[in-house]
Amino acid sequence: MRKVLVALSVISALGLIACDNSKEKAEADKAATEAKAAADKAAADTKAAADKAAEDAKAAADKAAADAKAAADKAIEPAKPNP
């Protein structure tokens, strides 16, 4: 009978250890997943900001080119006499 109780105690102890290890692994996996999600969000935010900055810079360059062309066209127009 004593051997059975010792065996049950050993099995119970092993079960508790396995449970604790599973819980720690689950917590570590959750932390890693949260960290990856935060990193992915930061990368997406950075990319969105860079894309917006590039779009704004292109729009400004296009406007400057259009303004320069309009100024050049105006400079080339012949002067109209005043009546």
PDB file of N, CA and C in Angstrom:
ATOM      1  N   MET A   1       0.822  -1.180   0.000  1.00  0.00           N
ATOM      2  CA  MET A   1       0.000   0.000   0.000  1.00  0.00           C
ATOM      3  C   MET A   1       0.874   1.256   0.000  1.00  0.00           C
ATOM      4  N   ARG A   2       1.967   1.188   0.736  1.00  0.00           N
ATOM      5  CA  ARG A   2       2.859   2.335   0.814  1.00  0.00           C
ATOM      6  C   ARG A   2       3.444   2.654  -0.559  1.00  0.00           C
ATOM      7  N   LYS A   3       3.776   1.629  -1.335  1.00  0.00           N
ATOM      8  CA  LYS A   3       4.349   1.832  -2.663  1.00  0.00           C
ATOM      9  C   LYS A   3       3.346   2.538  -3.578  1.00  0.00           C
ATOM     10  N   VAL A   4       2.088   2.186  -3.441  1.00  0.00           N
ATOM     11  CA  VAL A   4       1.043   2.803  -4.262  1.00  0.00           C
ATOM     12  C   VAL A   4       0.924   4.284  -3.914  1.00  0.00           C
ATOM     13  N   LEU A   5       0.947   4.607  -2.635  1.00  0.00           N
ATOM     14  CA  LEU A   5       0.854   6.005  -2.215  1.00  0.00           C
ATOM     15  C   LEU A   5       2.066   6.807  -2.694  1.00  0.00           C
ATOM     16  N   VAL A   6       3.246   6.211  -2.605  1.00  0.00           N
ATOM     17  CA  VAL A   6       4.457   6.886  -3.079  1.00  0.00           C
ATOM     18  C   VAL A   6       4.361   7.100  -4.592  1.00  0.00           C
ATOM     19  N   ALA A   7       3.899   6.087  -5.301  1.00  0.00           N
ATOM     20  CA  ALA A   7       3.763   6.202  -6.754  1.00  0.00           C
ATOM     21  C   ALA A   7       2.755   7.297  -7.116  1.00  0.00           C
ATOM     22  N   LEU A   8       1.630   7.347  -6.413  1.00  0.00           N
ATOM     23  CA  LEU A   8       0.633   8.392  -6.658  1.00  0.00           C
ATOM     24  C   LEU A   8       1.198   9.778  -6.351  1.00  0.00           C
ATOM     25  N   SER A   9       1.970   9.881  -5.290  1.00  0.00           N
ATOM     26  CA  SER A   9       2.589  11.161  -4.937  1.00  0.00           C
ATOM     27  C   SER A   9       3.553  11.618  -6.027  1.00  0.00           C
ATOM     28  N   VAL A  10       4.362  10.685  -6.518  1.00  0.00           N
ATOM     29  CA  VAL A  10       5.323  11.016  -7.582  1.00  0.00           C
ATOM     30  C   VAL A  10       4.577  11.445  -8.843  1.00  0.00           C
ATOM     31  N   ILE A  11       3.543  10.707  -9.211  1.00  0.00           N
ATOM     32  CA  ILE A  11       2.764  11.043 -10.411  1.00  0.00           C
ATOM     33  C   ILE A  11       2.092  12.407 -10.245  1.00  0.00           C
ATOM     34  N   SER A  12       1.562  12.682  -9.063  1.00  0.00           N
ATOM     35  CA  SER A  12       0.934  13.981  -8.805  1.00  0.00           C
ATOM     36  C   SER A  12       1.949  15.110  -8.914  1.00  0.00           C
ATOM     37  N   ALA A  13       3.128  14.895  -8.347  1.00  0.00           N
ATOM     38  CA  ALA A  13       4.176  15.918  -8.416  1.00  0.00           C
ATOM     39  C   ALA A  13       4.580  16.177  -9.863  1.00  0.00           C
ATOM     40  N   LEU A  14       4.741  15.114 -10.642  1.00  0.00           N
ATOM     41  CA  LEU A  14       5.093  15.276 -12.061  1.00  0.00           C
ATOM     42  C   LEU A  14       3.984  16.017 -12.813  1.00  0.00           C
ATOM     43  N   GLY A  15       2.752  15.708 -12.489  1.00  0.00           N
ATOM     44  CA  GLY A  15       1.616  16.397 -13.122  1.00  0.00           C
ATOM     45  C   GLY A  15       1.612  17.877 -12.806  1.00  0.00           C
ATOM     46  N   LEU A  16       1.882  18.226 -11.547  1.00  0.00           N
ATOM     47  CA  LEU A  16       1.928  19.641 -11.161  1.00  0.00           C
ATOM     48  C   LEU A  16       3.060  20.376 -11.867  1.00  0.00           C
ATOM     49  N   ILE A  17       4.208  19.728 -11.965  1.00  0.00           N
ATOM     50  CA  ILE A  17       5.353  20.344 -12.649  1.00  0.00           C
ATOM     51  C   ILE A  17       5.015  20.575 -14.121  1.00  0.00           C
ATOM     52  N   ALA A  18       4.405  19.576 -14.742  1.00  0.00           N
ATOM     53  CA  ALA A  18       4.031  19.705 -16.157  1.00  0.00           C
ATOM     54  C   ALA A  18       3.024  20.831 -16.349  1.00  0.00           C
ATOM     55  N   CYS A  19       2.089  20.954 -15.419  1.00  0.00           N
ATOM     56  CA  CYS A  19       1.084  22.017 -15.484  1.00  0.00           C
ATOM     57  C   CYS A  19       1.743  23.388 -15.374  1.00  0.00           C
ATOM     58  N   ASP A  20       2.659  23.534 -14.432  1.00  0.00           N
ATOM     59  CA  ASP A  20       3.357  24.807 -14.254  1.00  0.00           C
ATOM     60  C   ASP A  20       4.163  25.164 -15.497  1.00  0.00           C
ATOM     61  N   ASN A  21       4.836  24.167 -16.072  1.00  0.00           N
ATOM     62  CA  ASN A  21       5.621  24.423 -17.279  1.00  0.00           C
ATOM     63  C   ASN A  21       4.722  24.863 -18.431  1.00  0.00           C
ATOM     64  N   SER A  22       3.556  24.237 -18.553  1.00  0.00           N
ATOM     65  CA  SER A  22       2.618  24.608 -19.617  1.00  0.00           C
ATOM     66  C   SER A  22       2.119  26.035 -19.419  1.00  0.00           C
ATOM     67  N   LYS A  23       1.837  26.388 -18.176  1.00  0.00           N
ATOM     68  CA  LYS A  23       1.347  27.735 -17.879  1.00  0.00           C
ATOM     69  C   LYS A  23       2.426  28.768 -18.195  1.00  0.00           C
ATOM     70  N   GLU A  24       3.664  28.502 -17.804  1.00  0.00           N
ATOM     71  CA  GLU A  24       4.764  29.429 -18.082  1.00  0.00           C
ATOM     72  C   GLU A  24       4.978  29.574 -19.580  1.00  0.00           C
ATOM     73  N   LYS A  25       4.885  28.456 -20.310  1.00  0.00           N
ATOM     74  CA  LYS A  25       5.058  28.508 -21.766  1.00  0.00           C
ATOM     75  C   LYS A  25       3.938  29.319 -22.398  1.00  0.00           C
ATOM     76  N   ALA A  26       2.720  29.125 -21.925  1.00  0.00           N
ATOM     77  CA  ALA A  26       1.587  29.877 -22.470  1.00  0.00           C
ATOM     78  C   ALA A  26       1.764  31.370 -22.212  1.00  0.00           C
ATOM     79  N   GLU A  27       2.229  31.729 -21.018  1.00  0.00           N
ATOM     80  CA  GLU A  27       2.459  33.142 -20.703  1.00  0.00           C
ATOM     81  C   GLU A  27       3.570  33.724 -21.570  1.00  0.00           C
ATOM     82  N   ALA A  28       4.623  32.952 -21.783  1.00  0.00           N
ATOM     83  CA  ALA A  28       5.726  33.413 -22.634  1.00  0.00           C
ATOM     84  C   ALA A  28       5.257  33.574 -24.077  1.00  0.00           C
ATOM     85  N   ASP A  29       4.457  32.628 -24.563  1.00  0.00           N
ATOM     86  CA  ASP A  29       3.920  32.725 -25.925  1.00  0.00           C
ATOM     87  C   ASP A  29       3.024  33.953 -26.071  1.00  0.00           C
ATOM     88  N   LYS A  30       2.212  34.210 -25.055  1.00  0.00           N
ATOM     89  CA  LYS A  30       1.318  35.372 -25.091  1.00  0.00           C
ATOM     90  C   LYS A  30       2.132  36.659 -25.126  1.00  0.00           C
ATOM     91  N   ALA A  31       3.169  36.741 -24.306  1.00  0.00           N
ATOM     92  CA  ALA A  31       4.014  37.938 -24.286  1.00  0.00           C
ATOM     93  C   ALA A  31       4.710  38.135 -25.629  1.00  0.00           C
ATOM     94  N   ALA A  32       5.183  37.051 -26.219  1.00  0.00           N
ATOM     95  CA  ALA A  32       5.846  37.143 -27.528  1.00  0.00           C
ATOM     96  C   ALA A  32       4.861  37.595 -28.601  1.00  0.00           C
ATOM     97  N   THR A  33       3.650  37.081 -28.551  1.00  0.00           N
ATOM     98  CA  THR A  33       2.626  37.469 -29.521  1.00  0.00           C
ATOM     99  C   THR A  33       2.281  38.946 -29.378  1.00  0.00           C
ATOM    100  N   GLU A  34       2.137  39.415 -28.141  1.00  0.00           N
ATOM    101  CA  GLU A  34       1.829  40.828 -27.907  1.00  0.00           C
ATOM    102  C   GLU A  34       2.972  41.723 -28.382  1.00  0.00           C
ATOM    103  N   ALA A  35       4.206  41.296 -28.137  1.00  0.00           N
ATOM    104  CA  ALA A  35       5.361  42.082 -28.574  1.00  0.00           C
ATOM    105  C   ALA A  35       5.420  42.148 -30.095  1.00  0.00           C
ATOM    106  N   LYS A  36       5.140  41.029 -30.752  1.00  0.00           N
ATOM    107  CA  LYS A  36       5.148  41.010 -32.223  1.00  0.00           C
ATOM    108  C   LYS A  36       4.045  41.908 -32.773  1.00  0.00           C
ATOM    109  N   ALA A  37       2.869  41.859 -32.158  1.00  0.00           N
ATOM    110  CA  ALA A  37       1.764  42.705 -32.613  1.00  0.00           C
ATOM    111  C   ALA A  37       2.120  44.183 -32.459  1.00  0.00           C
ATOM    112  N   ALA A  38       2.754  44.532 -31.345  1.00  0.00           N
ATOM    113  CA  ALA A  38       3.160  45.925 -31.132  1.00  0.00           C
ATOM    114  C   ALA A  38       4.213  46.346 -32.156  1.00  0.00           C
ATOM    115  N   ALA A  39       5.153  45.463 -32.440  1.00  0.00           N
ATOM    116  CA  ALA A  39       6.194  45.775 -33.431  1.00  0.00           C
ATOM    117  C   ALA A  39       5.589  45.912 -34.824  1.00  0.00           C
ATOM    118  N   ASP A  40       4.651  45.032 -35.167  1.00  0.00           N
ATOM    119  CA  ASP A  40       3.990  45.114 -36.473  1.00  0.00           C
ATOM    120  C   ASP A  40       3.200  46.415 -36.607  1.00  0.00           C
ATOM    121  N   LYS A  41       2.522  46.821 -35.531  1.00  0.00           N
ATOM    122  CA  LYS A  41       1.753  48.069 -35.558  1.00  0.00           C
ATOM    123  C   LYS A  41       2.688  49.258 -35.716  1.00  0.00           C
ATOM    124  N   ALA A  42       3.803  49.248 -34.997  1.00  0.00           N
ATOM    125  CA  ALA A  42       4.766  50.343 -35.110  1.00  0.00           C
ATOM    126  C   ALA A  42       5.338  50.415 -36.519  1.00  0.00           C
ATOM    127  N   ALA A  43       5.628  49.273 -37.108  1.00  0.00           N
ATOM    128  CA  ALA A  43       6.155  49.247 -38.480  1.00  0.00           C
ATOM    129  C   ALA A  43       5.115  49.766 -39.468  1.00  0.00           C
ATOM    130  N   ALA A  44       3.864  49.380 -39.283  1.00  0.00           N
ATOM    131  CA  ALA A  44       2.796  49.848 -40.171  1.00  0.00           C
ATOM    132  C   ALA A  44       2.599  51.353 -40.034  1.00  0.00           C
ATOM    133  N   ASP A  45       2.645  51.851 -38.788  1.00  0.00           N
ATOM    134  CA  ASP A  45       2.507  53.293 -38.563  1.00  0.00           C
ATOM    135  C   ASP A  45       3.655  54.056 -39.207  1.00  0.00           C
ATOM    136  N   THR A  46       4.866  53.527 -39.079  1.00  0.00           N
ATOM    137  CA  THR A  46       6.038  54.171 -39.673  1.00  0.00           C
ATOM    138  C   THR A  46       5.923  54.190 -41.188  1.00  0.00           C
ATOM    139  N   LYS A  47       5.483  53.074 -41.769  1.00  0.00           N
ATOM    140  CA  LYS A  47       5.327  53.003 -43.229  1.00  0.00           C
ATOM    141  C   LYS A  47       4.258  53.981 -43.691  1.00  0.00           C
ATOM    142  N   ALA A  48       3.156  54.058 -42.970  1.00  0.00           N
ATOM    143  CA  ALA A  48       2.084  54.980 -43.344  1.00  0.00           C
ATOM    144  C   ALA A  48       2.571  56.424 -43.289  1.00  0.00           C
ATOM    145  N   ALA A  49       3.341  56.761 -42.256  1.00  0.00           N
ATOM    146  CA  ALA A  49       3.878  58.120 -42.141  1.00  0.00           C
ATOM    147  C   ALA A  49       4.855  58.415 -43.275  1.00  0.00           C
ATOM    148  N   ALA A  50       5.691  57.446 -43.618  1.00  0.00           N
ATOM    149  CA  ALA A  50       6.648  57.637 -44.712  1.00  0.00           C
ATOM    150  C   ALA A  50       5.919  57.779 -46.044  1.00  0.00           C
ATOM    151  N   ASP A  51       4.883  56.974 -46.255  1.00  0.00           N
ATOM    152  CA  ASP A  51       4.102  57.071 -47.494  1.00  0.00           C
ATOM    153  C   ASP A  51       3.419  58.433 -47.601  1.00  0.00           C
ATOM    154  N   LYS A  52       2.877  58.922 -46.493  1.00  0.00           N
ATOM    155  CA  LYS A  52       2.212  60.232 -46.500  1.00  0.00           C
ATOM    156  C   LYS A  52       3.221  61.333 -46.768  1.00  0.00           C
ATOM    157  N   ALA A  53       4.392  61.247 -46.156  1.00  0.00           N
ATOM    158  CA  ALA A  53       5.424  62.257 -46.384  1.00  0.00           C
ATOM    159  C   ALA A  53       5.860  62.258 -47.846  1.00  0.00           C
ATOM    160  N   ALA A  54       6.013  61.085 -48.433  1.00  0.00           N
ATOM    161  CA  ALA A  54       6.399  60.994 -49.845  1.00  0.00           C
ATOM    162  C   ALA A  54       5.302  61.564 -50.741  1.00  0.00           C
ATOM    163  N   GLU A  55       4.062  61.268 -50.407  1.00  0.00           N
ATOM    164  CA  GLU A  55       2.930  61.787 -51.180  1.00  0.00           C
ATOM    165  C   GLU A  55       2.866  63.311 -51.085  1.00  0.00           C
ATOM    166  N   ASP A  56       3.061  63.850 -49.872  1.00  0.00           N
ATOM    167  CA  ASP A  56       3.055  65.303 -49.683  1.00  0.00           C
ATOM    168  C   ASP A  56       4.205  65.960 -50.442  1.00  0.00           C
ATOM    169  N   ALA A  57       5.377  65.337 -50.413  1.00  0.00           N
ATOM    170  CA  ALA A  57       6.535  65.885 -51.121  1.00  0.00           C
ATOM    171  C   ALA A  57       6.290  65.884 -52.627  1.00  0.00           C
ATOM    172  N   LYS A  58       5.683  64.814 -53.143  1.00  0.00           N
ATOM    173  CA  LYS A  58       5.389  64.747 -54.581  1.00  0.00           C
ATOM    174  C   LYS A  58       4.370  65.810 -54.958  1.00  0.00           C
ATOM    175  N   ALA A  59       3.349  65.989 -54.134  1.00  0.00           N
ATOM    176  CA  ALA A  59       2.333  67.006 -54.414  1.00  0.00           C
ATOM    177  C   ALA A  59       2.960  68.400 -54.421  1.00  0.00           C
ATOM    178  N   ALA A  60       3.856  68.665 -53.467  1.00  0.00           N
ATOM    179  CA  ALA A  60       4.527  69.965 -53.415  1.00  0.00           C
ATOM    180  C   ALA A  60       5.414  70.166 -54.640  1.00  0.00           C
ATOM    181  N   ALA A  61       6.116  69.119 -55.051  1.00  0.00           N
ATOM    182  CA  ALA A  61       6.975  69.218 -56.235  1.00  0.00           C
ATOM    183  C   ALA A  61       6.138  69.440 -57.490  1.00  0.00           C
ATOM    184  N   ASP A  62       5.014  68.736 -57.602  1.00  0.00           N
ATOM    185  CA  ASP A  62       4.132  68.921 -58.754  1.00  0.00           C
ATOM    186  C   ASP A  62       3.578  70.343 -58.797  1.00  0.00           C
ATOM    187  N   LYS A  63       3.198  70.877 -57.639  1.00  0.00           N
ATOM    188  CA  LYS A  63       2.674  72.247 -57.571  1.00  0.00           C
ATOM    189  C   LYS A  63       3.761  73.244 -57.947  1.00  0.00           C
ATOM    190  N   ALA A  64       4.965  73.035 -57.449  1.00  0.00           N
ATOM    191  CA  ALA A  64       6.067  73.939 -57.777  1.00  0.00           C
ATOM    192  C   ALA A  64       6.360  73.905 -59.274  1.00  0.00           C
ATOM    193  N   ALA A  65       6.312  72.729 -59.871  1.00  0.00           N
ATOM    194  CA  ALA A  65       6.554  72.608 -61.312  1.00  0.00           C
ATOM    195  C   ALA A  65       5.457  73.312 -62.101  1.00  0.00           C
ATOM    196  N   ALA A  66       4.210  73.144 -61.674  1.00  0.00           N
ATOM    197  CA  ALA A  66       3.099  73.807 -62.358  1.00  0.00           C
ATOM    198  C   ALA A  66       3.208  75.321 -62.222  1.00  0.00           C
ATOM    199  N   ASP A  67       3.569  75.801 -61.026  1.00  0.00           N
ATOM    200  CA  ASP A  67       3.740  77.243 -60.815  1.00  0.00           C
ATOM    201  C   ASP A  67       4.873  77.784 -61.676  1.00  0.00           C
ATOM    202  N   ALA A  68       5.972  77.051 -61.766  1.00  0.00           N
ATOM    203  CA  ALA A  68       7.111  77.486 -62.576  1.00  0.00           C
ATOM    204  C   ALA A  68       6.729  77.528 -64.052  1.00  0.00           C
ATOM    205  N   LYS A  69       5.966  76.527 -64.502  1.00  0.00           N
ATOM    206  CA  LYS A  69       5.533  76.509 -65.907  1.00  0.00           C
ATOM    207  C   LYS A  69       4.608  77.679 -66.184  1.00  0.00           C
ATOM    208  N   ALA A  70       3.682  77.952 -65.267  1.00  0.00           N
ATOM    209  CA  ALA A  70       2.764  79.074 -65.452  1.00  0.00           C
ATOM    210  C   ALA A  70       3.530  80.391 -65.498  1.00  0.00           C
ATOM    211  N   ALA A  71       4.528  80.540 -64.638  1.00  0.00           N
ATOM    212  CA  ALA A  71       5.333  81.765 -64.634  1.00  0.00           C
ATOM    213  C   ALA A  71       6.123  81.895 -65.930  1.00  0.00           C
ATOM    214  N   ALA A  72       6.662  80.789 -66.412  1.00  0.00           N
ATOM    215  CA  ALA A  72       7.420  80.822 -67.667  1.00  0.00           C
ATOM    216  C   ALA A  72       6.502  81.153 -68.835  1.00  0.00           C
ATOM    217  N   ASP A  73       5.313  80.558 -68.855  1.00  0.00           N
ATOM    218  CA  ASP A  73       4.361  80.844 -69.929  1.00  0.00           C
ATOM    219  C   ASP A  73       3.943  82.311 -69.902  1.00  0.00           C
ATOM    220  N   LYS A  74       3.749  82.866 -68.722  1.00  0.00           N
ATOM    221  CA  LYS A  74       3.354  84.268 -68.595  1.00  0.00           C
ATOM    222  C   LYS A  74       4.483  85.179 -69.062  1.00  0.00           C
ATOM    223  N   ALA A  75       5.709  84.813 -68.785  1.00  0.00           N
ATOM    224  CA  ALA A  75       6.848  85.637 -69.188  1.00  0.00           C
ATOM    225  C   ALA A  75       7.014  85.633 -70.701  1.00  0.00           C
ATOM    226  N   ILE A  76       6.603  84.558 -71.355  1.00  0.00           N
ATOM    227  CA  ILE A  76       6.759  84.442 -72.807  1.00  0.00           C
ATOM    228  C   ILE A  76       5.638  85.174 -73.550  1.00  0.00           C
ATOM    229  N   GLU A  77       4.466  85.340 -72.945  1.00  0.00           N
ATOM    230  CA  GLU A  77       3.336  85.988 -73.608  1.00  0.00           C
ATOM    231  C   GLU A  77       3.722  87.401 -74.037  1.00  0.00           C
ATOM    232  N   PRO A  78       3.311  87.790 -75.240  1.00  0.00           N
ATOM    233  CA  PRO A  78       3.606  89.160 -75.667  1.00  0.00           C
ATOM    234  C   PRO A  78       2.785  90.153 -74.858  1.00  0.00           C
ATOM    235  N   ALA A  79       3.335  91.292 -74.647  1.00  0.00           N
ATOM    236  CA  ALA A  79       2.640  92.332 -73.894  1.00  0.00           C
ATOM    237  C   ALA A  79       1.502  92.876 -74.738  1.00  0.00           C
ATOM    238  N   LYS A  80       0.359  93.091 -74.122  1.00  0.00           N
ATOM    239  CA  LYS A  80      -0.799  93.637 -74.827  1.00  0.00           C
ATOM    240  C   LYS A  80      -0.767  95.161 -74.672  1.00  0.00           C
ATOM    241  N   PRO A  81      -0.948  95.858 -75.767  1.00  0.00           N
ATOM    242  CA  PRO A  81      -0.925  97.324 -75.667  1.00  0.00           C
ATOM    243  C   PRO A  81      -2.159  97.835 -74.935  1.00  0.00           C
ATOM    244  N   ASN A  82      -1.995  98.917 -74.211  1.00  0.00           N
ATOM    245  CA  ASN A  82      -3.117  99.557 -73.529  1.00  0.00           C
ATOM    246  C   ASN A  82      -3.794 100.503 -74.516  1.00  0.00           C
ATOM    247  N   PRO A  83      -5.095 100.457 -74.653  1.00  0.00           N
ATOM    248  CA  PRO A  83      -5.759 101.358 -75.614  1.00  0.00           C
ATOM    249  C   PRO A  83      -5.880 102.768 -75.122  1.00  0.00           C
TER     250      PRO A  83
END
